[in-house]
Amino acid sequence: MATVEECRQALHDLAARMASHAETRGKLDFDRTLACRVPDLETAFHAILAGGLLTDISDGDDPKAKIALIANSDELVAMIGGRLDLTRAIATGQVKIKANPFDLLKLRKLI
């Protein structure tokens, strides 16, 4: 099982990767709050997705977040690290994303 710190670091790594790719993707009009819930560690993080960037990553849940990512620690770290395919993880129930369908389509462009 990955630790809370490893999960936090994975989210910061994702934010850095998104920032490095932001110029090639162009500006994406997509501003949403994000909650990342890690049930096996009984913890959560929240952040803001704005203009194709992941910012303001903080500890704690945001129950009003427009997008919720739910994954156990190992799956979260593996997915962000590129060792777990997001589509396959969602199809097998390892990862759940709660968002409206239009947000899911826009989210795919970021991943």
PDB file of N, CA and C in Angstrom:
ATOM      1  N   MET A   1       0.855  -1.177   0.000  1.00  0.00           N
ATOM      2  CA  MET A   1       0.000   0.000   0.000  1.00  0.00           C
ATOM      3  C   MET A   1       0.899   1.238   0.000  1.00  0.00           C
ATOM      4  N   ALA A   2       0.598   2.151  -0.904  1.00  0.00           N
ATOM      5  CA  ALA A   2       1.336   3.406  -0.973  1.00  0.00           C
ATOM      6  C   ALA A   2       0.969   4.275   0.225  1.00  0.00           C
ATOM      7  N   THR A   3       1.830   5.206   0.549  1.00  0.00           N
ATOM      8  CA  THR A   3       1.600   6.081   1.696  1.00  0.00           C
ATOM      9  C   THR A   3       0.867   7.348   1.260  1.00  0.00           C
ATOM     10  N   VAL A   4       0.394   8.098   2.232  1.00  0.00           N
ATOM     11  CA  VAL A   4      -0.253   9.380   1.951  1.00  0.00           C
ATOM     12  C   VAL A   4       0.740  10.297   1.233  1.00  0.00           C
ATOM     13  N   GLU A   5       1.983  10.303   1.686  1.00  0.00           N
ATOM     14  CA  GLU A   5       3.002  11.156   1.061  1.00  0.00           C
ATOM     15  C   GLU A   5       3.251  10.749  -0.397  1.00  0.00           C
ATOM     16  N   GLU A   6       3.277   9.450  -0.686  1.00  0.00           N
ATOM     17  CA  GLU A   6       3.463   8.995  -2.067  1.00  0.00           C
ATOM     18  C   GLU A   6       2.291   9.426  -2.949  1.00  0.00           C
ATOM     19  N   CYS A   7       1.085   9.384  -2.411  1.00  0.00           N
ATOM     20  CA  CYS A   7      -0.094   9.837  -3.161  1.00  0.00           C
ATOM     21  C   CYS A   7      -0.021  11.339  -3.408  1.00  0.00           C
ATOM     22  N   ARG A   8       0.342  12.086  -2.385  1.00  0.00           N
ATOM     23  CA  ARG A   8       0.471  13.541  -2.513  1.00  0.00           C
ATOM     24  C   ARG A   8       1.529  13.868  -3.570  1.00  0.00           C
ATOM     25  N   GLN A   9       2.664  13.179  -3.514  1.00  0.00           N
ATOM     26  CA  GLN A   9       3.739  13.420  -4.478  1.00  0.00           C
ATOM     27  C   GLN A   9       3.298  13.068  -5.894  1.00  0.00           C
ATOM     28  N   ALA A  10       2.539  11.991  -6.039  1.00  0.00           N
ATOM     29  CA  ALA A  10       2.038  11.602  -7.360  1.00  0.00           C
ATOM     30  C   ALA A  10       1.155  12.704  -7.950  1.00  0.00           C
ATOM     31  N   LEU A  11       0.314  13.306  -7.125  1.00  0.00           N
ATOM     32  CA  LEU A  11      -0.544  14.393  -7.611  1.00  0.00           C
ATOM     33  C   LEU A  11       0.295  15.609  -8.017  1.00  0.00           C
ATOM     34  N   HIS A  12       1.342  15.901  -7.251  1.00  0.00           N
ATOM     35  CA  HIS A  12       2.228  17.007  -7.624  1.00  0.00           C
ATOM     36  C   HIS A  12       2.994  16.681  -8.911  1.00  0.00           C
ATOM     37  N   ASP A  13       3.372  15.417  -9.089  1.00  0.00           N
ATOM     38  CA  ASP A  13       4.029  14.995 -10.333  1.00  0.00           C
ATOM     39  C   ASP A  13       3.077  15.171 -11.516  1.00  0.00           C
ATOM     40  N   LEU A  14       1.810  14.803 -11.323  1.00  0.00           N
ATOM     41  CA  LEU A  14       0.811  14.980 -12.371  1.00  0.00           C
ATOM     42  C   LEU A  14       0.656  16.456 -12.719  1.00  0.00           C
ATOM     43  N   ALA A  15       0.610  17.308 -11.700  1.00  0.00           N
ATOM     44  CA  ALA A  15       0.483  18.752 -11.932  1.00  0.00           C
ATOM     45  C   ALA A  15       1.670  19.273 -12.742  1.00  0.00           C
ATOM     46  N   ALA A  16       2.871  18.805 -12.416  1.00  0.00           N
ATOM     47  CA  ALA A  16       4.064  19.236 -13.151  1.00  0.00           C
ATOM     48  C   ALA A  16       4.020  18.754 -14.597  1.00  0.00           C
ATOM     49  N   ARG A  17       3.586  17.520 -14.809  1.00  0.00           N
ATOM     50  CA  ARG A  17       3.487  16.973 -16.159  1.00  0.00           C
ATOM     51  C   ARG A  17       2.441  17.743 -16.971  1.00  0.00           C
ATOM     52  N   MET A  18       1.321  18.060 -16.346  1.00  0.00           N
ATOM     53  CA  MET A  18       0.289  18.824 -17.044  1.00  0.00           C
ATOM     54  C   MET A  18       0.798  20.214 -17.415  1.00  0.00           C
ATOM     55  N   ALA A  19       1.561  20.827 -16.521  1.00  0.00           N
ATOM     56  CA  ALA A  19       2.108  22.157 -16.791  1.00  0.00           C
ATOM     57  C   ALA A  19       3.102  22.112 -17.949  1.00  0.00           C
ATOM     58  N   SER A  20       3.897  21.063 -18.016  1.00  0.00           N
ATOM     59  CA  SER A  20       4.892  20.965 -19.092  1.00  0.00           C
ATOM     60  C   SER A  20       4.243  20.707 -20.445  1.00  0.00           C
ATOM     61  N   HIS A  21       3.049  20.127 -20.451  1.00  0.00           N
ATOM     62  CA  HIS A  21       2.345  19.856 -21.706  1.00  0.00           C
ATOM     63  C   HIS A  21       1.315  20.924 -22.068  1.00  0.00           C
ATOM     64  N   ALA A  22       1.119  21.884 -21.194  1.00  0.00           N
ATOM     65  CA  ALA A  22       0.069  22.885 -21.402  1.00  0.00           C
ATOM     66  C   ALA A  22       0.287  23.695 -22.677  1.00  0.00           C
ATOM     67  N   GLU A  23       1.536  24.005 -22.983  1.00  0.00           N
ATOM     68  CA  GLU A  23       1.808  24.822 -24.163  1.00  0.00           C
ATOM     69  C   GLU A  23       1.486  24.074 -25.451  1.00  0.00           C
ATOM     70  N   THR A  24       1.750  22.786 -25.507  1.00  0.00           N
ATOM     71  CA  THR A  24       1.506  22.029 -26.737  1.00  0.00           C
ATOM     72  C   THR A  24       0.025  21.738 -26.951  1.00  0.00           C
ATOM     73  N   ARG A  25      -0.736  21.655 -25.875  1.00  0.00           N
ATOM     74  CA  ARG A  25      -2.171  21.380 -25.990  1.00  0.00           C
ATOM     75  C   ARG A  25      -2.963  22.631 -26.316  1.00  0.00           C
ATOM     76  N   GLY A  26      -2.422  23.777 -25.995  1.00  0.00           N
ATOM     77  CA  GLY A  26      -3.175  25.002 -26.131  1.00  0.00           C
ATOM     78  C   GLY A  26      -4.062  25.198 -24.916  1.00  0.00           C
ATOM     79  N   LYS A  27      -4.637  26.365 -24.819  1.00  0.00           N
ATOM     80  CA  LYS A  27      -5.477  26.683 -23.668  1.00  0.00           C
ATOM     81  C   LYS A  27      -6.790  25.917 -23.757  1.00  0.00           C
ATOM     82  N   LEU A  28      -7.119  25.221 -22.683  1.00  0.00           N
ATOM     83  CA  LEU A  28      -8.355  24.470 -22.622  1.00  0.00           C
ATOM     84  C   LEU A  28      -9.293  25.177 -21.659  1.00  0.00           C
ATOM     85  N   ASP A  29     -10.451  25.541 -22.126  1.00  0.00           N
ATOM     86  CA  ASP A  29     -11.427  26.237 -21.291  1.00  0.00           C
ATOM     87  C   ASP A  29     -12.116  25.211 -20.405  1.00  0.00           C
ATOM     88  N   PHE A  30     -11.500  24.942 -19.262  1.00  0.00           N
ATOM     89  CA  PHE A  30     -12.004  23.886 -18.391  1.00  0.00           C
ATOM     90  C   PHE A  30     -11.582  24.212 -16.969  1.00  0.00           C
ATOM     91  N   ASP A  31     -12.489  24.778 -16.209  1.00  0.00           N
ATOM     92  CA  ASP A  31     -12.209  25.147 -14.822  1.00  0.00           C
ATOM     93  C   ASP A  31     -13.158  24.385 -13.906  1.00  0.00           C
ATOM     94  N   ARG A  32     -12.585  23.472 -13.122  1.00  0.00           N
ATOM     95  CA  ARG A  32     -13.396  22.653 -12.226  1.00  0.00           C
ATOM     96  C   ARG A  32     -12.633  22.385 -10.934  1.00  0.00           C
ATOM     97  N   THR A  33     -13.385  22.124  -9.899  1.00  0.00           N
ATOM     98  CA  THR A  33     -12.779  21.659  -8.656  1.00  0.00           C
ATOM     99  C   THR A  33     -12.666  20.142  -8.737  1.00  0.00           C
ATOM    100  N   LEU A  34     -11.622  19.612  -8.125  1.00  0.00           N
ATOM    101  CA  LEU A  34     -11.333  18.184  -8.185  1.00  0.00           C
ATOM    102  C   LEU A  34     -11.110  17.651  -6.782  1.00  0.00           C
ATOM    103  N   ALA A  35     -11.726  16.538  -6.487  1.00  0.00           N
ATOM    104  CA  ALA A  35     -11.465  15.811  -5.245  1.00  0.00           C
ATOM    105  C   ALA A  35     -10.845  14.476  -5.621  1.00  0.00           C
ATOM    106  N   CYS A  36      -9.807  14.092  -4.917  1.00  0.00           N
ATOM    107  CA  CYS A  36      -9.166  12.800  -5.118  1.00  0.00           C
ATOM    108  C   CYS A  36      -9.279  12.045  -3.802  1.00  0.00           C
ATOM    109  N   ARG A  37     -10.113  11.030  -3.798  1.00  0.00           N
ATOM    110  CA  ARG A  37     -10.385  10.274  -2.574  1.00  0.00           C
ATOM    111  C   ARG A  37      -9.638   8.946  -2.603  1.00  0.00           C
ATOM    112  N   VAL A  38      -8.952   8.653  -1.495  1.00  0.00           N
ATOM    113  CA  VAL A  38      -8.116   7.452  -1.395  1.00  0.00           C
ATOM    114  C   VAL A  38      -8.657   6.620  -0.224  1.00  0.00           C
ATOM    115  N   PRO A  39      -9.631   5.742  -0.487  1.00  0.00           N
ATOM    116  CA  PRO A  39     -10.327   5.031   0.584  1.00  0.00           C
ATOM    117  C   PRO A  39      -9.439   4.135   1.451  1.00  0.00           C
ATOM    118  N   ASP A  40      -8.449   3.471   0.862  1.00  0.00           N
ATOM    119  CA  ASP A  40      -7.655   2.556   1.677  1.00  0.00           C
ATOM    120  C   ASP A  40      -6.779   3.281   2.695  1.00  0.00           C
ATOM    121  N   LEU A  41      -6.509   4.549   2.460  1.00  0.00           N
ATOM    122  CA  LEU A  41      -5.749   5.356   3.421  1.00  0.00           C
ATOM    123  C   LEU A  41      -6.654   6.266   4.245  1.00  0.00           C
ATOM    124  N   GLU A  42      -7.944   6.209   3.942  1.00  0.00           N
ATOM    125  CA  GLU A  42      -8.926   7.080   4.602  1.00  0.00           C
ATOM    126  C   GLU A  42      -8.496   8.544   4.547  1.00  0.00           C
ATOM    127  N   THR A  43      -8.094   8.958   3.344  1.00  0.00           N
ATOM    128  CA  THR A  43      -7.655  10.334   3.152  1.00  0.00           C
ATOM    129  C   THR A  43      -8.170  10.849   1.823  1.00  0.00           C
ATOM    130  N   ALA A  44      -7.999  12.119   1.605  1.00  0.00           N
ATOM    131  CA  ALA A  44      -8.422  12.738   0.352  1.00  0.00           C
ATOM    132  C   ALA A  44      -7.581  13.981   0.107  1.00  0.00           C
ATOM    133  N   PHE A  45      -7.611  14.418  -1.129  1.00  0.00           N
ATOM    134  CA  PHE A  45      -6.940  15.644  -1.550  1.00  0.00           C
ATOM    135  C   PHE A  45      -7.926  16.418  -2.405  1.00  0.00           C
ATOM    136  N   HIS A  46      -7.701  17.697  -2.536  1.00  0.00           N
ATOM    137  CA  HIS A  46      -8.513  18.476  -3.460  1.00  0.00           C
ATOM    138  C   HIS A  46      -7.609  19.460  -4.192  1.00  0.00           C
ATOM    139  N   ALA A  47      -8.072  19.876  -5.364  1.00  0.00           N
ATOM    140  CA  ALA A  47      -7.283  20.768  -6.212  1.00  0.00           C
ATOM    141  C   ALA A  47      -8.219  21.492  -7.167  1.00  0.00           C
ATOM    142  N   ILE A  48      -7.624  22.318  -7.979  1.00  0.00           N
ATOM    143  CA  ILE A  48      -8.373  23.050  -8.993  1.00  0.00           C
ATOM    144  C   ILE A  48      -7.786  22.725 -10.360  1.00  0.00           C
ATOM    145  N   LEU A  49      -8.646  22.374 -11.292  1.00  0.00           N
ATOM    146  CA  LEU A  49      -8.269  22.225 -12.699  1.00  0.00           C
ATOM    147  C   LEU A  49      -8.665  23.522 -13.388  1.00  0.00           C
ATOM    148  N   ALA A  50      -7.684  24.230 -13.913  1.00  0.00           N
ATOM    149  CA  ALA A  50      -7.980  25.505 -14.568  1.00  0.00           C
ATOM    150  C   ALA A  50      -7.042  25.687 -15.745  1.00  0.00           C
ATOM    151  N   GLY A  51      -7.618  25.913 -16.910  1.00  0.00           N
ATOM    152  CA  GLY A  51      -6.821  26.160 -18.100  1.00  0.00           C
ATOM    153  C   GLY A  51      -5.854  25.045 -18.443  1.00  0.00           C
ATOM    154  N   GLY A  52      -6.216  23.821 -18.145  1.00  0.00           N
ATOM    155  CA  GLY A  52      -5.351  22.690 -18.438  1.00  0.00           C
ATOM    156  C   GLY A  52      -4.283  22.436 -17.393  1.00  0.00           C
ATOM    157  N   LEU A  53      -4.356  23.135 -16.263  1.00  0.00           N
ATOM    158  CA  LEU A  53      -3.381  22.973 -15.194  1.00  0.00           C
ATOM    159  C   LEU A  53      -4.057  22.458 -13.930  1.00  0.00           C
ATOM    160  N   LEU A  54      -3.316  21.724 -13.152  1.00  0.00           N
ATOM    161  CA  LEU A  54      -3.774  21.244 -11.850  1.00  0.00           C
ATOM    162  C   LEU A  54      -3.059  22.086 -10.807  1.00  0.00           C
ATOM    163  N   THR A  55      -3.825  22.864 -10.039  1.00  0.00           N
ATOM    164  CA  THR A  55      -3.231  23.800  -9.087  1.00  0.00           C
ATOM    165  C   THR A  55      -3.860  23.665  -7.703  1.00  0.00           C
ATOM    166  N   ASP A  56      -3.232  24.288  -6.748  1.00  0.00           N
ATOM    167  CA  ASP A  56      -3.738  24.365  -5.375  1.00  0.00           C
ATOM    168  C   ASP A  56      -4.043  22.998  -4.773  1.00  0.00           C
ATOM    169  N   ILE A  57      -3.131  22.060  -4.937  1.00  0.00           N
ATOM    170  CA  ILE A  57      -3.317  20.725  -4.364  1.00  0.00           C
ATOM    171  C   ILE A  57      -3.195  20.828  -2.848  1.00  0.00           C
ATOM    172  N   SER A  58      -4.223  20.358  -2.157  1.00  0.00           N
ATOM    173  CA  SER A  58      -4.262  20.452  -0.694  1.00  0.00           C
ATOM    174  C   SER A  58      -4.808  19.162  -0.108  1.00  0.00           C
ATOM    175  N   ASP A  59      -4.476  18.924   1.143  1.00  0.00           N
ATOM    176  CA  ASP A  59      -5.029  17.776   1.857  1.00  0.00           C
ATOM    177  C   ASP A  59      -6.487  18.048   2.207  1.00  0.00           C
ATOM    178  N   GLY A  60      -7.261  16.979   2.277  1.00  0.00           N
ATOM    179  CA  GLY A  60      -8.662  17.081   2.658  1.00  0.00           C
ATOM    180  C   GLY A  60      -9.591  16.959   1.468  1.00  0.00           C
ATOM    181  N   ASP A  61     -10.799  16.559   1.752  1.00  0.00           N
ATOM    182  CA  ASP A  61     -11.807  16.346   0.717  1.00  0.00           C
ATOM    183  C   ASP A  61     -12.508  17.656   0.383  1.00  0.00           C
ATOM    184  N   ASP A  62     -13.104  17.696  -0.778  1.00  0.00           N
ATOM    185  CA  ASP A  62     -13.998  18.783  -1.176  1.00  0.00           C
ATOM    186  C   ASP A  62     -15.308  18.132  -1.601  1.00  0.00           C
ATOM    187  N   PRO A  63     -16.263  18.011  -0.676  1.00  0.00           N
ATOM    188  CA  PRO A  63     -17.512  17.328  -1.017  1.00  0.00           C
ATOM    189  C   PRO A  63     -18.299  17.998  -2.140  1.00  0.00           C
ATOM    190  N   LYS A  64     -18.006  19.260  -2.436  1.00  0.00           N
ATOM    191  CA  LYS A  64     -18.711  19.971  -3.500  1.00  0.00           C
ATOM    192  C   LYS A  64     -17.941  19.966  -4.817  1.00  0.00           C
ATOM    193  N   ALA A  65     -16.852  19.206  -4.891  1.00  0.00           N
ATOM    194  CA  ALA A  65     -16.030  19.168  -6.101  1.00  0.00           C
ATOM    195  C   ALA A  65     -16.857  18.698  -7.292  1.00  0.00           C
ATOM    196  N   LYS A  66     -16.620  19.308  -8.430  1.00  0.00           N
ATOM    197  CA  LYS A  66     -17.349  18.954  -9.654  1.00  0.00           C
ATOM    198  C   LYS A  66     -16.875  17.617 -10.232  1.00  0.00           C
ATOM    199  N   ILE A  67     -15.606  17.259  -9.940  1.00  0.00           N
ATOM    200  CA  ILE A  67     -15.045  15.991 -10.400  1.00  0.00           C
ATOM    201  C   ILE A  67     -14.457  15.277  -9.192  1.00  0.00           C
ATOM    202  N   ALA A  68     -14.798  14.008  -9.044  1.00  0.00           N
ATOM    203  CA  ALA A  68     -14.252  13.199  -7.952  1.00  0.00           C
ATOM    204  C   ALA A  68     -13.567  11.971  -8.533  1.00  0.00           C
ATOM    205  N   LEU A  69     -12.314  11.803  -8.183  1.00  0.00           N
ATOM    206  CA  LEU A  69     -11.528  10.632  -8.565  1.00  0.00           C
ATOM    207  C   LEU A  69     -11.393   9.777  -7.321  1.00  0.00           C
ATOM    208  N   ILE A  70     -11.783   8.514  -7.414  1.00  0.00           N
ATOM    209  CA  ILE A  70     -11.736   7.613  -6.272  1.00  0.00           C
ATOM    210  C   ILE A  70     -10.877   6.417  -6.651  1.00  0.00           C
ATOM    211  N   ALA A  71      -9.782   6.241  -5.907  1.00  0.00           N
ATOM    212  CA  ALA A  71      -8.861   5.133  -6.193  1.00  0.00           C
ATOM    213  C   ALA A  71      -8.071   4.799  -4.941  1.00  0.00           C
ATOM    214  N   ASN A  72      -7.783   3.525  -4.751  1.00  0.00           N
ATOM    215  CA  ASN A  72      -6.898   3.137  -3.662  1.00  0.00           C
ATOM    216  C   ASN A  72      -5.495   3.641  -3.964  1.00  0.00           C
ATOM    217  N   SER A  73      -4.677   3.726  -2.946  1.00  0.00           N
ATOM    218  CA  SER A  73      -3.367   4.362  -3.051  1.00  0.00           C
ATOM    219  C   SER A  73      -2.473   3.746  -4.124  1.00  0.00           C
ATOM    220  N   ASP A  74      -2.382   2.426  -4.164  1.00  0.00           N
ATOM    221  CA  ASP A  74      -1.521   1.781  -5.156  1.00  0.00           C
ATOM    222  C   ASP A  74      -1.976   2.085  -6.580  1.00  0.00           C
ATOM    223  N   GLU A  75      -3.275   2.060  -6.820  1.00  0.00           N
ATOM    224  CA  GLU A  75      -3.806   2.344  -8.146  1.00  0.00           C
ATOM    225  C   GLU A  75      -3.574   3.806  -8.530  1.00  0.00           C
ATOM    226  N   LEU A  76      -3.747   4.711  -7.575  1.00  0.00           N
ATOM    227  CA  LEU A  76      -3.528   6.129  -7.848  1.00  0.00           C
ATOM    228  C   LEU A  76      -2.083   6.386  -8.257  1.00  0.00           C
ATOM    229  N   VAL A  77      -1.150   5.864  -7.482  1.00  0.00           N
ATOM    230  CA  VAL A  77       0.271   6.062  -7.772  1.00  0.00           C
ATOM    231  C   VAL A  77       0.653   5.394  -9.093  1.00  0.00           C
ATOM    232  N   ALA A  78       0.154   4.193  -9.340  1.00  0.00           N
ATOM    233  CA  ALA A  78       0.458   3.478 -10.591  1.00  0.00           C
ATOM    234  C   ALA A  78      -0.135   4.197 -11.795  1.00  0.00           C
ATOM    235  N   MET A  79      -1.341   4.700 -11.665  1.00  0.00           N
ATOM    236  CA  MET A  79      -1.999   5.388 -12.770  1.00  0.00           C
ATOM    237  C   MET A  79      -1.245   6.671 -13.124  1.00  0.00           C
ATOM    238  N   ILE A  80      -0.912   7.458 -12.138  1.00  0.00           N
ATOM    239  CA  ILE A  80      -0.204   8.707 -12.403  1.00  0.00           C
ATOM    240  C   ILE A  80       1.209   8.422 -12.908  1.00  0.00           C
ATOM    241  N   GLY A  81       1.807   7.341 -12.419  1.00  0.00           N
ATOM    242  CA  GLY A  81       3.143   6.965 -12.857  1.00  0.00           C
ATOM    243  C   GLY A  81       3.190   6.296 -14.216  1.00  0.00           C
ATOM    244  N   GLY A  82       2.028   6.054 -14.823  1.00  0.00           N
ATOM    245  CA  GLY A  82       1.973   5.464 -16.154  1.00  0.00           C
ATOM    246  C   GLY A  82       2.027   3.947 -16.177  1.00  0.00           C
ATOM    247  N   ARG A  83       1.930   3.318 -15.021  1.00  0.00           N
ATOM    248  CA  ARG A  83       1.984   1.855 -14.960  1.00  0.00           C
ATOM    249  C   ARG A  83       0.588   1.224 -14.967  1.00  0.00           C
ATOM    250  N   LEU A  84      -0.455   2.045 -14.929  1.00  0.00           N
ATOM    251  CA  LEU A  84      -1.831   1.560 -14.947  1.00  0.00           C
ATOM    252  C   LEU A  84      -2.610   2.420 -15.931  1.00  0.00           C
ATOM    253  N   ASP A  85      -3.205   1.780 -16.929  1.00  0.00           N
ATOM    254  CA  ASP A  85      -3.989   2.479 -17.940  1.00  0.00           C
ATOM    255  C   ASP A  85      -5.305   2.952 -17.331  1.00  0.00           C
ATOM    256  N   LEU A  86      -5.586   4.245 -17.457  1.00  0.00           N
ATOM    257  CA  LEU A  86      -6.786   4.821 -16.862  1.00  0.00           C
ATOM    258  C   LEU A  86      -8.058   4.186 -17.397  1.00  0.00           C
ATOM    259  N   THR A  87      -8.141   3.994 -18.699  1.00  0.00           N
ATOM    260  CA  THR A  87      -9.352   3.404 -19.287  1.00  0.00           C
ATOM    261  C   THR A  87      -9.595   2.003 -18.743  1.00  0.00           C
ATOM    262  N   ARG A  88      -8.553   1.212 -18.693  1.00  0.00           N
ATOM    263  CA  ARG A  88      -8.679  -0.153 -18.165  1.00  0.00           C
ATOM    264  C   ARG A  88      -9.026  -0.121 -16.672  1.00  0.00           C
ATOM    265  N   ALA A  89      -8.419   0.798 -15.938  1.00  0.00           N
ATOM    266  CA  ALA A  89      -8.680   0.901 -14.501  1.00  0.00           C
ATOM    267  C   ALA A  89     -10.142   1.273 -14.232  1.00  0.00           C
ATOM    268  N   ILE A  90     -10.688   2.146 -15.058  1.00  0.00           N
ATOM    269  CA  ILE A  90     -12.098   2.525 -14.902  1.00  0.00           C
ATOM    270  C   ILE A  90     -12.989   1.342 -15.275  1.00  0.00           C
ATOM    271  N   ALA A  91     -12.661   0.670 -16.371  1.00  0.00           N
ATOM    272  CA  ALA A  91     -13.475  -0.461 -16.826  1.00  0.00           C
ATOM    273  C   ALA A  91     -13.501  -1.602 -15.818  1.00  0.00           C
ATOM    274  N   THR A  92     -12.420  -1.798 -15.096  1.00  0.00           N
ATOM    275  CA  THR A  92     -12.353  -2.885 -14.112  1.00  0.00           C
ATOM    276  C   THR A  92     -12.779  -2.448 -12.716  1.00  0.00           C
ATOM    277  N   GLY A  93     -13.109  -1.173 -12.558  1.00  0.00           N
ATOM    278  CA  GLY A  93     -13.570  -0.688 -11.263  1.00  0.00           C
ATOM    279  C   GLY A  93     -12.464  -0.345 -10.287  1.00  0.00           C
ATOM    280  N   GLN A  94     -11.210  -0.371 -10.729  1.00  0.00           N
ATOM    281  CA  GLN A  94     -10.107  -0.004  -9.849  1.00  0.00           C
ATOM    282  C   GLN A  94     -10.116   1.487  -9.553  1.00  0.00           C
ATOM    283  N   VAL A  95     -10.582   2.261 -10.513  1.00  0.00           N
ATOM    284  CA  VAL A  95     -10.656   3.718 -10.391  1.00  0.00           C
ATOM    285  C   VAL A  95     -12.059   4.146 -10.774  1.00  0.00           C
ATOM    286  N   LYS A  96     -12.600   5.088 -10.025  1.00  0.00           N
ATOM    287  CA  LYS A  96     -13.916   5.635 -10.353  1.00  0.00           C
ATOM    288  C   LYS A  96     -13.778   7.137 -10.519  1.00  0.00           C
ATOM    289  N   ILE A  97     -14.471   7.666 -11.500  1.00  0.00           N
ATOM    290  CA  ILE A  97     -14.515   9.110 -11.697  1.00  0.00           C
ATOM    291  C   ILE A  97     -15.975   9.518 -11.721  1.00  0.00           C
ATOM    292  N   LYS A  98     -16.311  10.429 -10.825  1.00  0.00           N
ATOM    293  CA  LYS A  98     -17.671  10.968 -10.779  1.00  0.00           C
ATOM    294  C   LYS A  98     -17.629  12.384 -11.337  1.00  0.00           C
ATOM    295  N   ALA A  99     -18.302  12.562 -12.460  1.00  0.00           N
ATOM    296  CA  ALA A  99     -18.366  13.859 -13.121  1.00  0.00           C
ATOM    297  C   ALA A  99     -19.477  13.799 -14.144  1.00  0.00           C
ATOM    298  N   ASN A 100     -19.922  14.962 -14.595  1.00  0.00           N
ATOM    299  CA  ASN A 100     -20.942  14.917 -15.638  1.00  0.00           C
ATOM    300  C   ASN A 100     -20.276  14.492 -16.948  1.00  0.00           C
ATOM    301  N   PRO A 101     -21.033  13.923 -17.872  1.00  0.00           N
ATOM    302  CA  PRO A 101     -20.458  13.372 -19.104  1.00  0.00           C
ATOM    303  C   PRO A 101     -19.658  14.378 -19.933  1.00  0.00           C
ATOM    304  N   PHE A 102     -20.087  15.619 -19.958  1.00  0.00           N
ATOM    305  CA  PHE A 102     -19.369  16.625 -20.733  1.00  0.00           C
ATOM    306  C   PHE A 102     -18.000  16.925 -20.103  1.00  0.00           C
ATOM    307  N   ASP A 103     -17.952  16.925 -18.777  1.00  0.00           N
ATOM    308  CA  ASP A 103     -16.668  17.118 -18.099  1.00  0.00           C
ATOM    309  C   ASP A 103     -15.732  15.944 -18.362  1.00  0.00           C
ATOM    310  N   LEU A 104     -16.279  14.737 -18.432  1.00  0.00           N
ATOM    311  CA  LEU A 104     -15.447  13.569 -18.719  1.00  0.00           C
ATOM    312  C   LEU A 104     -14.804  13.680 -20.100  1.00  0.00           C
ATOM    313  N   LEU A 105     -15.553  14.176 -21.067  1.00  0.00           N
ATOM    314  CA  LEU A 105     -15.007  14.350 -22.415  1.00  0.00           C
ATOM    315  C   LEU A 105     -13.861  15.370 -22.411  1.00  0.00           C
ATOM    316  N   LYS A 106     -14.036  16.471 -21.701  1.00  0.00           N
ATOM    317  CA  LYS A 106     -12.991  17.471 -21.617  1.00  0.00           C
ATOM    318  C   LYS A 106     -11.796  16.948 -20.825  1.00  0.00           C
ATOM    319  N   LEU A 107     -12.071  16.164 -19.803  1.00  0.00           N
ATOM    320  CA  LEU A 107     -11.010  15.605 -18.973  1.00  0.00           C
ATOM    321  C   LEU A 107     -10.104  14.685 -19.782  1.00  0.00           C
ATOM    322  N   ARG A 108     -10.677  13.965 -20.715  1.00  0.00           N
ATOM    323  CA  ARG A 108      -9.884  13.065 -21.569  1.00  0.00           C
ATOM    324  C   ARG A 108      -8.812  13.813 -22.319  1.00  0.00           C
ATOM    325  N   LYS A 109      -9.091  15.072 -22.696  1.00  0.00           N
ATOM    326  CA  LYS A 109      -8.104  15.872 -23.428  1.00  0.00           C
ATOM    327  C   LYS A 109      -6.893  16.206 -22.559  1.00  0.00           C
ATOM    328  N   LEU A 110      -7.100  16.235 -21.256  1.00  0.00           N
ATOM    329  CA  LEU A 110      -5.998  16.573 -20.349  1.00  0.00           C
ATOM    330  C   LEU A 110      -5.110  15.397 -20.046  1.00  0.00           C
ATOM    331  N   ILE A 111      -5.637  14.195 -20.195  1.00  0.00           N
ATOM    332  CA  ILE A 111      -4.907  12.997 -19.757  1.00  0.00           C
ATOM    333  C   ILE A 111      -4.084  12.434 -20.894  1.00  0.00           C
TER     334      ILE A 111
END
